[in-house]
């Protein structure tokens, strides 16, 4: 997995009114850690159950802003999905709702997002 370096200031996700507000970066880091751990666990479970012969997950950080998701399977198949930058309200951990610039990358958006 090639992921953005969490120590770098990215143009998104961010609070629209305050690009220096670090809460959106903190939120992104938590989401990334949760999803990465879940994916690694699911893939290792496949190996443990004998459904695949071998699992090798590598995570690298790069100085980049994510513009798409790209999954490579067995070095021969790829799944690619573009992110769309959207503006939407988000509730942060402290229960404050902010207008955020963030990326949308899973399925169609509903008119309310």
C-alpha atoms as a PDB file:
ATOM      1  CA  UNK A   1       0.000   0.000   0.000  1.00  0.00           C
ATOM      2  CA  UNK A   2       1.279   3.435  -0.911  1.00  0.00           C
ATOM      3  CA  UNK A   3      -0.164   6.003   1.482  1.00  0.00           C
ATOM      4  CA  UNK A   4       0.353   9.733   1.929  1.00  0.00           C
ATOM      5  CA  UNK A   5       2.977  10.687   4.494  1.00  0.00           C
ATOM      6  CA  UNK A   6       0.861  11.680   7.536  1.00  0.00           C
ATOM      7  CA  UNK A   7       3.412  14.270   8.654  1.00  0.00           C
ATOM      8  CA  UNK A   8       2.913  16.401   5.528  1.00  0.00           C
ATOM      9  CA  UNK A   9       0.284  19.135   5.219  1.00  0.00           C
ATOM     10  CA  UNK A  10      -2.079  18.013   2.455  1.00  0.00           C
ATOM     11  CA  UNK A  11      -4.522  20.226   0.526  1.00  0.00           C
ATOM     12  CA  UNK A  12      -7.298  17.895   1.677  1.00  0.00           C
ATOM     13  CA  UNK A  13      -8.864  16.751   3.842  1.00  0.00           C
ATOM     14  CA  UNK A  14      -9.052  20.080   5.634  1.00  0.00           C
ATOM     15  CA  UNK A  15     -11.418  22.435   7.376  1.00  0.00           C
ATOM     16  CA  UNK A  16     -12.566  24.829   4.667  1.00  0.00           C
ATOM     17  CA  UNK A  17     -12.349  27.976   6.797  1.00  0.00           C
ATOM     18  CA  UNK A  18      -9.016  27.082   8.454  1.00  0.00           C
ATOM     19  CA  UNK A  19      -6.471  25.136   6.366  1.00  0.00           C
ATOM     20  CA  UNK A  20      -4.090  25.064   9.367  1.00  0.00           C
ATOM     21  CA  UNK A  21      -6.608  23.244  11.616  1.00  0.00           C
ATOM     22  CA  UNK A  22      -4.974  19.850  12.235  1.00  0.00           C
ATOM     23  CA  UNK A  23      -8.130  17.983  13.280  1.00  0.00           C
ATOM     24  CA  UNK A  24      -8.888  16.746   9.759  1.00  0.00           C
ATOM     25  CA  UNK A  25      -5.348  15.362   9.434  1.00  0.00           C
ATOM     26  CA  UNK A  26      -5.773  13.636  12.791  1.00  0.00           C
ATOM     27  CA  UNK A  27      -9.091  12.194  11.582  1.00  0.00           C
ATOM     28  CA  UNK A  28      -7.490  10.980   8.336  1.00  0.00           C
ATOM     29  CA  UNK A  29      -4.645   9.320  10.242  1.00  0.00           C
ATOM     30  CA  UNK A  30      -7.125   7.458  12.501  1.00  0.00           C
ATOM     31  CA  UNK A  31      -9.239   6.330   9.534  1.00  0.00           C
ATOM     32  CA  UNK A  32      -6.122   5.188   7.657  1.00  0.00           C
ATOM     33  CA  UNK A  33      -4.829   3.211  10.638  1.00  0.00           C
ATOM     34  CA  UNK A  34      -8.204   1.540  11.203  1.00  0.00           C
ATOM     35  CA  UNK A  35      -8.740   0.584   7.570  1.00  0.00           C
ATOM     36  CA  UNK A  36      -5.144  -0.573   7.092  1.00  0.00           C
ATOM     37  CA  UNK A  37      -5.298  -2.826  10.161  1.00  0.00           C
ATOM     38  CA  UNK A  38      -8.652  -4.228   9.023  1.00  0.00           C
ATOM     39  CA  UNK A  39      -7.376  -4.986   5.518  1.00  0.00           C
ATOM     40  CA  UNK A  40      -4.207  -6.655   6.797  1.00  0.00           C
ATOM     41  CA  UNK A  41      -6.240  -8.739   9.251  1.00  0.00           C
ATOM     42  CA  UNK A  42      -8.696  -9.870   6.576  1.00  0.00           C
ATOM     43  CA  UNK A  43      -5.895 -10.831   4.191  1.00  0.00           C
ATOM     44  CA  UNK A  44      -4.001 -12.753   6.882  1.00  0.00           C
ATOM     45  CA  UNK A  45      -7.222 -14.560   7.782  1.00  0.00           C
ATOM     46  CA  UNK A  46      -7.457 -15.762   4.177  1.00  0.00           C
ATOM     47  CA  UNK A  47      -3.982 -17.241   4.480  1.00  0.00           C
ATOM     48  CA  UNK A  48      -4.641 -18.726   7.933  1.00  0.00           C
ATOM     49  CA  UNK A  49      -7.777 -20.435   6.638  1.00  0.00           C
ATOM     50  CA  UNK A  50      -5.875 -21.845   3.660  1.00  0.00           C
ATOM     51  CA  UNK A  51      -7.920 -19.898   1.112  1.00  0.00           C
ATOM     52  CA  UNK A  52      -4.781 -18.322  -0.377  1.00  0.00           C
ATOM     53  CA  UNK A  53      -1.267 -19.743  -0.215  1.00  0.00           C
ATOM     54  CA  UNK A  54       0.558 -16.552   0.765  1.00  0.00           C
ATOM     55  CA  UNK A  55      -0.175 -12.956   1.764  1.00  0.00           C
ATOM     56  CA  UNK A  56       2.370 -10.157   1.558  1.00  0.00           C
ATOM     57  CA  UNK A  57       1.208  -6.671   2.494  1.00  0.00           C
ATOM     58  CA  UNK A  58       3.690  -3.814   2.285  1.00  0.00           C
ATOM     59  CA  UNK A  59       2.937  -0.290   3.377  1.00  0.00           C
ATOM     60  CA  UNK A  60       4.984   2.656   2.154  1.00  0.00           C
ATOM     61  CA  UNK A  61       4.519   6.358   2.745  1.00  0.00           C
ATOM     62  CA  UNK A  62       5.094   8.912   0.012  1.00  0.00           C
ATOM     63  CA  UNK A  63       5.021  12.710  -0.190  1.00  0.00           C
ATOM     64  CA  UNK A  64       1.845  12.792  -2.255  1.00  0.00           C
ATOM     65  CA  UNK A  65      -1.747  13.920  -2.133  1.00  0.00           C
ATOM     66  CA  UNK A  66      -4.144  11.040  -2.793  1.00  0.00           C
ATOM     67  CA  UNK A  67      -6.045  11.445  -6.062  1.00  0.00           C
ATOM     68  CA  UNK A  68      -7.135   7.841  -6.521  1.00  0.00           C
ATOM     69  CA  UNK A  69      -7.192   4.376  -5.003  1.00  0.00           C
ATOM     70  CA  UNK A  70      -5.247   1.649  -6.754  1.00  0.00           C
ATOM     71  CA  UNK A  71      -5.197  -1.953  -5.576  1.00  0.00           C
ATOM     72  CA  UNK A  72      -2.856  -4.456  -7.239  1.00  0.00           C
ATOM     73  CA  UNK A  73      -3.637  -8.146  -6.934  1.00  0.00           C
ATOM     74  CA  UNK A  74      -0.990 -10.774  -7.600  1.00  0.00           C
ATOM     75  CA  UNK A  75       0.942  -8.232  -9.695  1.00  0.00           C
ATOM     76  CA  UNK A  76      -1.434  -8.834 -12.621  1.00  0.00           C
ATOM     77  CA  UNK A  77      -4.822  -7.332 -11.733  1.00  0.00           C
ATOM     78  CA  UNK A  78      -5.636  -3.758 -10.776  1.00  0.00           C
ATOM     79  CA  UNK A  79      -8.636  -2.021  -9.295  1.00  0.00           C
ATOM     80  CA  UNK A  80      -8.587   1.759  -9.778  1.00  0.00           C
ATOM     81  CA  UNK A  81     -10.967   4.408  -8.461  1.00  0.00           C
ATOM     82  CA  UNK A  82     -10.682   8.190  -8.710  1.00  0.00           C
ATOM     83  CA  UNK A  83     -11.362  10.448  -5.748  1.00  0.00           C
ATOM     84  CA  UNK A  84     -13.694  13.417  -6.098  1.00  0.00           C
ATOM     85  CA  UNK A  85     -12.978  16.450  -3.915  1.00  0.00           C
ATOM     86  CA  UNK A  86     -16.182  17.568  -2.238  1.00  0.00           C
ATOM     87  CA  UNK A  87     -17.310  20.062   0.361  1.00  0.00           C
ATOM     88  CA  UNK A  88     -19.489  18.644   3.117  1.00  0.00           C
ATOM     89  CA  UNK A  89     -20.252  18.993   6.819  1.00  0.00           C
ATOM     90  CA  UNK A  90     -18.333  16.613   9.072  1.00  0.00           C
ATOM     91  CA  UNK A  91     -18.617  16.058  12.790  1.00  0.00           C
ATOM     92  CA  UNK A  92     -15.187  15.867  14.400  1.00  0.00           C
ATOM     93  CA  UNK A  93     -14.204  13.926  17.495  1.00  0.00           C
ATOM     94  CA  UNK A  94     -14.958  16.910  19.747  1.00  0.00           C
ATOM     95  CA  UNK A  95     -18.545  16.954  18.331  1.00  0.00           C
ATOM     96  CA  UNK A  96     -17.946  20.208  16.444  1.00  0.00           C
ATOM     97  CA  UNK A  97     -19.390  20.210  12.941  1.00  0.00           C
ATOM     98  CA  UNK A  98     -17.131  21.834  10.361  1.00  0.00           C
ATOM     99  CA  UNK A  99     -17.367  22.424   6.637  1.00  0.00           C
ATOM    100  CA  UNK A 100     -14.684  20.161   5.237  1.00  0.00           C
ATOM    101  CA  UNK A 101     -12.964  19.762   1.908  1.00  0.00           C
ATOM    102  CA  UNK A 102     -12.456  16.047   1.630  1.00  0.00           C
ATOM    103  CA  UNK A 103     -12.317  13.320  -0.957  1.00  0.00           C
ATOM    104  CA  UNK A 104     -15.082  10.949  -1.887  1.00  0.00           C
ATOM    105  CA  UNK A 105     -13.933   7.601  -3.168  1.00  0.00           C
ATOM    106  CA  UNK A 106     -16.541   4.905  -2.656  1.00  0.00           C
ATOM    107  CA  UNK A 107     -19.685   4.708  -4.705  1.00  0.00           C
ATOM    108  CA  UNK A 108     -22.083   7.350  -5.913  1.00  0.00           C
ATOM    109  CA  UNK A 109     -22.781  10.401  -3.794  1.00  0.00           C
ATOM    110  CA  UNK A 110     -26.277  11.055  -2.624  1.00  0.00           C
ATOM    111  CA  UNK A 111     -27.684  14.576  -3.068  1.00  0.00           C
ATOM    112  CA  UNK A 112     -27.346  15.157   0.686  1.00  0.00           C
ATOM    113  CA  UNK A 113     -23.583  14.528   0.994  1.00  0.00           C
END
